[in-house]
Protein backbone atom coordinates (compact mmCIF):
# COMPACT_ATOMS: atom_id res chain seq x y z
CA UNK A 1 13.48 13.72 -6.60
CA UNK A 2 14.18 10.41 -4.98
CA UNK A 3 14.91 8.47 -8.13
CA UNK A 4 12.92 5.67 -9.56
CA UNK A 5 11.56 3.30 -7.08
CA UNK A 6 10.99 -0.34 -8.14
CA UNK A 7 7.39 -1.02 -7.87
CA UNK A 8 6.03 -4.46 -6.75
CA UNK A 9 2.61 -5.92 -7.43
CA UNK A 10 0.54 -6.80 -4.52
CA UNK A 11 -3.14 -7.64 -3.65
CA UNK A 12 -4.91 -5.46 -1.21
CA UNK A 13 -5.78 -7.25 2.05
CA UNK A 14 -9.11 -5.41 2.43
CA UNK A 15 -10.72 -5.03 -1.08
CA UNK A 16 -8.53 -7.74 -2.79
CA UNK A 17 -7.75 -5.46 -5.80
CA UNK A 18 -4.30 -5.73 -7.53
CA UNK A 19 -2.20 -2.66 -6.71
CA UNK A 20 1.55 -1.62 -6.90
CA UNK A 21 3.64 -0.73 -3.90
CA UNK A 22 7.15 0.86 -3.61
CA UNK A 23 8.39 -1.91 -1.42
CA UNK A 24 8.75 -5.74 -1.70
CA UNK A 25 5.52 -7.12 0.05
CA UNK A 26 6.18 -9.41 2.89
CA UNK A 27 3.86 -12.31 3.68
CA UNK A 28 3.85 -11.49 7.51
CA UNK A 29 2.18 -8.12 7.04
CA UNK A 30 -1.04 -6.98 5.10
CA UNK A 31 -0.68 -4.67 2.10
CA UNK A 32 -3.41 -2.19 1.32
CA UNK A 33 -4.24 -0.20 -1.87
CA UNK A 34 -4.24 3.62 -1.71
CA UNK A 35 -7.92 3.84 -1.03
CA UNK A 36 -8.03 1.16 1.75
CA UNK A 37 -4.92 2.61 3.27
CA UNK A 38 -6.34 5.97 3.65
CA UNK A 39 -9.56 4.65 5.11
CA UNK A 40 -7.54 2.80 7.84
CA UNK A 41 -5.34 5.69 8.72
CA UNK A 42 -6.62 8.08 11.46
CA UNK A 43 -7.40 11.62 10.20
CA UNK A 44 -4.47 14.00 10.42
CA UNK A 45 -4.65 16.80 12.92
CA UNK A 46 -2.83 20.14 12.43
């Protein structure tokens, strides 16, 4: 579909678990694992 994205290792800012993200983590912004990211995001409205 979009091709293979290079995955980068990161540590979640909330739970401190190691995770992989499809972008190069930047020290100036927090990175969240899938579970913590979905908890922080407001619920979607349709």
